[in-house]
Amino acid sequence: MDRRELLKNACGLGVCGCAAGLFGVAEKAGADETADADQRLAFARYQIAKLVGFVAGATTPETCAAILENTGRECARLNQLAARYKGDADGYFAAIKAAWGTDATWDKEKGVITVTVPEGPCGCPLVDAARTPALWCNCSVGYGKEAFGTVFGRPVEASLKQSKLTGSTRCVFEVRLS
């Protein structure tokens, strides 16, 4: 597909303004760089939402969830916050509280950590709350598995209990130590 065909298809989807900005077709000379970056991010959010829908439609729910979990694991590896707290769960809990306002409570006896994300919009910059399917939250499940697995030095299980993308005011995850 050449550039012109790609832009034509993008305009057919109603995103021509975003696509034009993404591919360098300036609306006016000297456009504000911040607006351009916002436009590019809006286009990326739109495309991610569509991609997740396409993957969900072309795979089984389990395969789609696994793909998204792997995406989240990669995000956690790139972030490297958890790597700084290997063996120091309390330090990691304090770090995620300071960085994102995320609370983590640990029932050591049961080996269960409850992770509660504060109210407000989704913290993922790729989410368009109006379009992104809730199954995108499997990305955060993967992030939790990778991050907490790194901190504790062993595999963990993670599951989503509440999601902003399904109408909850906050996201809540449960992490179980293996």
C-alpha atoms as a PDB file:
ATOM      1  CA  MET A   1       0.000   0.000   0.000  1.00  0.00           C
ATOM      2  CA  ASP A   2       1.472   3.342  -0.963  1.00  0.00           C
ATOM      3  CA  ARG A   3       1.241   6.528   1.088  1.00  0.00           C
ATOM      4  CA  ARG A   4      -1.622   8.015  -0.923  1.00  0.00           C
ATOM      5  CA  GLU A   5      -3.690   4.833  -0.581  1.00  0.00           C
ATOM      6  CA  LEU A   6      -2.994   4.728   3.161  1.00  0.00           C
ATOM      7  CA  LEU A   7      -4.169   8.326   3.584  1.00  0.00           C
ATOM      8  CA  LYS A   8      -7.251   7.641   1.463  1.00  0.00           C
ATOM      9  CA  ASN A   9      -8.133   4.635   3.639  1.00  0.00           C
ATOM     10  CA  ALA A  10      -7.474   6.621   6.818  1.00  0.00           C
ATOM     11  CA  CYS A  11      -9.773   9.398   5.615  1.00  0.00           C
ATOM     12  CA  GLY A  12     -12.413   6.790   4.930  1.00  0.00           C
ATOM     13  CA  LEU A  13     -12.203   5.909   8.616  1.00  0.00           C
ATOM     14  CA  GLY A  14     -12.697   9.541   9.587  1.00  0.00           C
ATOM     15  CA  VAL A  15      -9.176  10.119  10.842  1.00  0.00           C
ATOM     16  CA  CYS A  16      -7.758  12.116   7.956  1.00  0.00           C
ATOM     17  CA  GLY A  17      -6.855  15.089  10.132  1.00  0.00           C
ATOM     18  CA  CYS A  18      -4.843  12.859  12.427  1.00  0.00           C
ATOM     19  CA  ALA A  19      -3.286  10.892   9.581  1.00  0.00           C
ATOM     20  CA  ALA A  20      -2.306  14.055   7.753  1.00  0.00           C
ATOM     21  CA  GLY A  21      -0.512  15.272  10.851  1.00  0.00           C
ATOM     22  CA  LEU A  22       1.127  11.912  11.358  1.00  0.00           C
ATOM     23  CA  PHE A  23       2.531  11.779   7.846  1.00  0.00           C
ATOM     24  CA  GLY A  24       3.766  15.355   7.796  1.00  0.00           C
ATOM     25  CA  VAL A  25       1.033  17.063   5.789  1.00  0.00           C
ATOM     26  CA  ALA A  26       0.942  20.341   7.647  1.00  0.00           C
ATOM     27  CA  GLU A  27      -2.393  22.090   7.972  1.00  0.00           C
ATOM     28  CA  LYS A  28      -0.583  25.376   8.151  1.00  0.00           C
ATOM     29  CA  ALA A  29       3.046  26.362   8.260  1.00  0.00           C
ATOM     30  CA  GLY A  30       4.499  26.761  11.736  1.00  0.00           C
ATOM     31  CA  ALA A  31       1.775  24.741  13.461  1.00  0.00           C
ATOM     32  CA  ASP A  32       2.234  24.408  17.204  1.00  0.00           C
ATOM     33  CA  GLU A  33       4.408  21.345  17.963  1.00  0.00           C
ATOM     34  CA  THR A  34       2.318  20.489  21.016  1.00  0.00           C
ATOM     35  CA  ALA A  35      -0.878  20.375  18.987  1.00  0.00           C
ATOM     36  CA  ASP A  36       0.914  18.241  16.409  1.00  0.00           C
ATOM     37  CA  ALA A  37       2.095  15.829  19.110  1.00  0.00           C
ATOM     38  CA  ASP A  38      -1.442  15.705  20.577  1.00  0.00           C
ATOM     39  CA  GLN A  39      -2.829  14.960  17.133  1.00  0.00           C
ATOM     40  CA  ARG A  40      -0.307  12.150  16.624  1.00  0.00           C
ATOM     41  CA  LEU A  41      -1.157  10.681  20.011  1.00  0.00           C
ATOM     42  CA  ALA A  42      -4.883  10.855  19.233  1.00  0.00           C
ATOM     43  CA  PHE A  43      -4.230   8.983  15.993  1.00  0.00           C
ATOM     44  CA  ALA A  44      -2.126   6.355  17.814  1.00  0.00           C
ATOM     45  CA  ARG A  45      -4.892   5.880  20.392  1.00  0.00           C
ATOM     46  CA  TYR A  46      -7.440   5.439  17.629  1.00  0.00           C
ATOM     47  CA  GLN A  47      -5.244   2.917  15.836  1.00  0.00           C
ATOM     48  CA  ILE A  48      -4.523   0.932  19.020  1.00  0.00           C
ATOM     49  CA  ALA A  49      -8.243   0.725  19.784  1.00  0.00           C
ATOM     50  CA  LYS A  50      -8.935  -0.525  16.263  1.00  0.00           C
ATOM     51  CA  LEU A  51      -6.006  -2.961  16.384  1.00  0.00           C
ATOM     52  CA  VAL A  52      -7.236  -4.483  19.635  1.00  0.00           C
ATOM     53  CA  GLY A  53     -10.674  -4.937  18.099  1.00  0.00           C
ATOM     54  CA  PHE A  54      -9.186  -6.561  14.985  1.00  0.00           C
ATOM     55  CA  VAL A  55      -7.038  -8.941  17.056  1.00  0.00           C
ATOM     56  CA  ALA A  56     -10.026  -9.842  19.224  1.00  0.00           C
ATOM     57  CA  GLY A  57     -12.095 -10.592  16.146  1.00  0.00           C
ATOM     58  CA  ALA A  58      -9.404 -12.728  14.521  1.00  0.00           C
ATOM     59  CA  THR A  59      -8.343 -14.819  17.522  1.00  0.00           C
ATOM     60  CA  THR A  60      -9.767 -16.677  20.473  1.00  0.00           C
ATOM     61  CA  PRO A  61     -10.297 -14.696  23.681  1.00  0.00           C
ATOM     62  CA  GLU A  62      -7.394 -16.601  25.271  1.00  0.00           C
ATOM     63  CA  THR A  63      -5.010 -15.828  22.403  1.00  0.00           C
ATOM     64  CA  CYS A  64      -5.996 -12.161  22.385  1.00  0.00           C
ATOM     65  CA  ALA A  65      -5.496 -11.931  26.154  1.00  0.00           C
ATOM     66  CA  ALA A  66      -2.068 -13.590  25.840  1.00  0.00           C
ATOM     67  CA  ILE A  67      -0.989 -11.144  23.121  1.00  0.00           C
ATOM     68  CA  LEU A  68      -2.049  -8.178  25.232  1.00  0.00           C
ATOM     69  CA  GLU A  69      -0.398  -9.620  28.355  1.00  0.00           C
ATOM     70  CA  ASN A  70       2.866  -9.907  26.428  1.00  0.00           C
ATOM     71  CA  THR A  71       2.503  -6.273  25.408  1.00  0.00           C
ATOM     72  CA  GLY A  72       2.133  -5.308  29.073  1.00  0.00           C
ATOM     73  CA  ARG A  73       5.123  -7.432  30.079  1.00  0.00           C
ATOM     74  CA  GLU A  74       7.230  -5.593  27.515  1.00  0.00           C
ATOM     75  CA  CYS A  75       6.016  -2.256  28.855  1.00  0.00           C
ATOM     76  CA  ALA A  76       7.069  -3.271  32.380  1.00  0.00           C
ATOM     77  CA  ARG A  77      10.500  -4.370  31.101  1.00  0.00           C
ATOM     78  CA  LEU A  78      10.988  -1.057  29.312  1.00  0.00           C
ATOM     79  CA  ASN A  79       9.844   0.944  32.340  1.00  0.00           C
ATOM     80  CA  GLN A  80      12.350  -0.863  34.600  1.00  0.00           C
ATOM     81  CA  LEU A  81      10.847   0.542  37.798  1.00  0.00           C
ATOM     82  CA  ALA A  82      10.328  -2.927  39.264  1.00  0.00           C
ATOM     83  CA  ALA A  83      13.909  -3.926  38.437  1.00  0.00           C
ATOM     84  CA  ARG A  84      15.120  -1.286  40.905  1.00  0.00           C
ATOM     85  CA  TYR A  85      13.187  -2.989  43.721  1.00  0.00           C
ATOM     86  CA  LYS A  86      14.115  -6.662  43.323  1.00  0.00           C
ATOM     87  CA  GLY A  87      13.596  -8.230  46.730  1.00  0.00           C
ATOM     88  CA  ASP A  88      12.136  -5.014  48.177  1.00  0.00           C
ATOM     89  CA  ALA A  89       8.348  -5.230  47.912  1.00  0.00           C
ATOM     90  CA  ASP A  90       7.726  -2.395  50.368  1.00  0.00           C
ATOM     91  CA  GLY A  91      10.085  -0.166  48.371  1.00  0.00           C
ATOM     92  CA  TYR A  92       8.217  -1.015  45.176  1.00  0.00           C
ATOM     93  CA  PHE A  93       4.858  -0.338  46.828  1.00  0.00           C
ATOM     94  CA  ALA A  94       6.148   3.100  47.897  1.00  0.00           C
ATOM     95  CA  ALA A  95       7.529   3.770  44.410  1.00  0.00           C
ATOM     96  CA  ILE A  96       4.250   3.002  42.608  1.00  0.00           C
ATOM     97  CA  LYS A  97       2.394   5.130  45.138  1.00  0.00           C
ATOM     98  CA  ALA A  98       4.756   8.055  44.511  1.00  0.00           C
ATOM     99  CA  ALA A  99       4.829   7.612  40.721  1.00  0.00           C
ATOM    100  CA  TRP A 100       1.168   6.888  39.976  1.00  0.00           C
ATOM    101  CA  GLY A 101      -0.813   7.155  43.219  1.00  0.00           C
ATOM    102  CA  THR A 102      -1.321   3.378  43.064  1.00  0.00           C
ATOM    103  CA  ASP A 103      -1.981   1.601  46.361  1.00  0.00           C
ATOM    104  CA  ALA A 104      -0.782  -1.922  47.039  1.00  0.00           C
ATOM    105  CA  THR A 105      -1.848  -3.892  50.092  1.00  0.00           C
ATOM    106  CA  TRP A 106      -0.203  -7.210  50.820  1.00  0.00           C
ATOM    107  CA  ASP A 107      -1.803 -10.029  52.755  1.00  0.00           C
ATOM    108  CA  LYS A 108       1.442 -11.901  53.442  1.00  0.00           C
ATOM    109  CA  GLU A 109      -0.345 -14.865  55.003  1.00  0.00           C
ATOM    110  CA  LYS A 110      -2.416 -15.499  51.857  1.00  0.00           C
ATOM    111  CA  GLY A 111       0.270 -14.286  49.438  1.00  0.00           C
ATOM    112  CA  VAL A 112      -2.169 -11.864  47.831  1.00  0.00           C
ATOM    113  CA  ILE A 113      -1.459  -8.289  46.809  1.00  0.00           C
ATOM    114  CA  THR A 114      -4.364  -6.000  45.944  1.00  0.00           C
ATOM    115  CA  VAL A 115      -3.342  -3.192  43.612  1.00  0.00           C
ATOM    116  CA  THR A 116      -5.718  -0.229  43.417  1.00  0.00           C
ATOM    117  CA  VAL A 117      -5.262   2.456  40.785  1.00  0.00           C
ATOM    118  CA  PRO A 118      -6.612   5.894  41.737  1.00  0.00           C
ATOM    119  CA  GLU A 119      -9.775   7.345  40.251  1.00  0.00           C
ATOM    120  CA  GLY A 120      -9.495   9.395  37.093  1.00  0.00           C
ATOM    121  CA  PRO A 121      -8.713   8.630  33.480  1.00  0.00           C
ATOM    122  CA  CYS A 122      -6.780   5.519  32.520  1.00  0.00           C
ATOM    123  CA  GLY A 123      -3.071   6.017  33.121  1.00  0.00           C
ATOM    124  CA  CYS A 124      -2.062   4.322  29.862  1.00  0.00           C
ATOM    125  CA  PRO A 125      -1.274   6.976  27.248  1.00  0.00           C
ATOM    126  CA  LEU A 126      -2.469   4.615  24.502  1.00  0.00           C
ATOM    127  CA  VAL A 127      -6.040   4.378  25.798  1.00  0.00           C
ATOM    128  CA  ASP A 128      -8.897   6.288  24.232  1.00  0.00           C
ATOM    129  CA  ALA A 129     -11.588   5.768  26.872  1.00  0.00           C
ATOM    130  CA  ALA A 130     -14.351   6.173  24.286  1.00  0.00           C
ATOM    131  CA  ARG A 131     -12.962   3.559  21.873  1.00  0.00           C
ATOM    132  CA  THR A 132     -10.493   1.194  23.523  1.00  0.00           C
ATOM    133  CA  PRO A 133     -12.096  -2.171  24.290  1.00  0.00           C
ATOM    134  CA  ALA A 134     -11.910  -3.303  27.917  1.00  0.00           C
ATOM    135  CA  LEU A 135      -9.923  -6.349  26.906  1.00  0.00           C
ATOM    136  CA  TRP A 136      -6.992  -3.935  26.537  1.00  0.00           C
ATOM    137  CA  CYS A 137      -6.739  -4.241  30.332  1.00  0.00           C
ATOM    138  CA  ASN A 138      -5.017  -7.584  29.759  1.00  0.00           C
ATOM    139  CA  CYS A 139      -2.020  -5.417  28.924  1.00  0.00           C
ATOM    140  CA  SER A 140      -2.069  -4.160  32.532  1.00  0.00           C
ATOM    141  CA  VAL A 141      -2.441  -7.727  33.785  1.00  0.00           C
ATOM    142  CA  GLY A 142       0.752  -8.584  31.904  1.00  0.00           C
ATOM    143  CA  TYR A 143       2.447  -5.484  33.311  1.00  0.00           C
ATOM    144  CA  GLY A 144       1.548  -6.635  36.824  1.00  0.00           C
ATOM    145  CA  LYS A 145       2.794 -10.159  36.199  1.00  0.00           C
ATOM    146  CA  GLU A 146       6.131  -8.898  34.925  1.00  0.00           C
ATOM    147  CA  ALA A 147       6.610  -6.145  37.501  1.00  0.00           C
ATOM    148  CA  PHE A 148       5.637  -8.143  40.582  1.00  0.00           C
ATOM    149  CA  GLY A 149       7.412 -11.228  39.259  1.00  0.00           C
ATOM    150  CA  THR A 150      10.558  -9.115  38.991  1.00  0.00           C
ATOM    151  CA  VAL A 151      10.173  -7.671  42.490  1.00  0.00           C
ATOM    152  CA  PHE A 152       9.541 -11.062  44.084  1.00  0.00           C
ATOM    153  CA  GLY A 153      11.968 -12.979  41.871  1.00  0.00           C
ATOM    154  CA  ARG A 154       9.421 -15.618  40.897  1.00  0.00           C
ATOM    155  CA  PRO A 155       6.349 -16.015  38.698  1.00  0.00           C
ATOM    156  CA  VAL A 156       3.112 -14.508  39.958  1.00  0.00           C
ATOM    157  CA  GLU A 157      -0.488 -14.669  38.808  1.00  0.00           C
ATOM    158  CA  ALA A 158      -2.403 -11.458  38.228  1.00  0.00           C
ATOM    159  CA  SER A 159      -6.052 -10.804  37.471  1.00  0.00           C
ATOM    160  CA  LEU A 160      -8.245  -7.803  36.875  1.00  0.00           C
ATOM    161  CA  LYS A 161     -11.026  -7.283  39.420  1.00  0.00           C
ATOM    162  CA  GLN A 162     -12.313  -3.834  38.365  1.00  0.00           C
ATOM    163  CA  SER A 163     -11.626  -1.684  35.317  1.00  0.00           C
ATOM    164  CA  LYS A 164     -12.201   1.909  34.344  1.00  0.00           C
ATOM    165  CA  LEU A 165     -12.843   0.676  30.808  1.00  0.00           C
ATOM    166  CA  THR A 166     -15.864  -1.298  32.044  1.00  0.00           C
ATOM    167  CA  GLY A 167     -17.318   1.619  34.000  1.00  0.00           C
ATOM    168  CA  SER A 168     -15.609   1.316  37.367  1.00  0.00           C
ATOM    169  CA  THR A 169     -14.175   4.469  38.922  1.00  0.00           C
ATOM    170  CA  ARG A 170     -10.814   2.743  39.424  1.00  0.00           C
ATOM    171  CA  CYS A 171      -8.872  -0.309  38.336  1.00  0.00           C
ATOM    172  CA  VAL A 172      -8.208  -3.058  40.866  1.00  0.00           C
ATOM    173  CA  PHE A 173      -5.877  -5.996  40.294  1.00  0.00           C
ATOM    174  CA  GLU A 174      -5.135  -9.024  42.391  1.00  0.00           C
ATOM    175  CA  VAL A 175      -1.604 -10.458  42.351  1.00  0.00           C
ATOM    176  CA  ARG A 176      -1.011 -13.926  43.783  1.00  0.00           C
ATOM    177  CA  LEU A 177       2.442 -15.091  44.683  1.00  0.00           C
ATOM    178  CA  SER A 178       3.208 -18.588  43.406  1.00  0.00           C
END
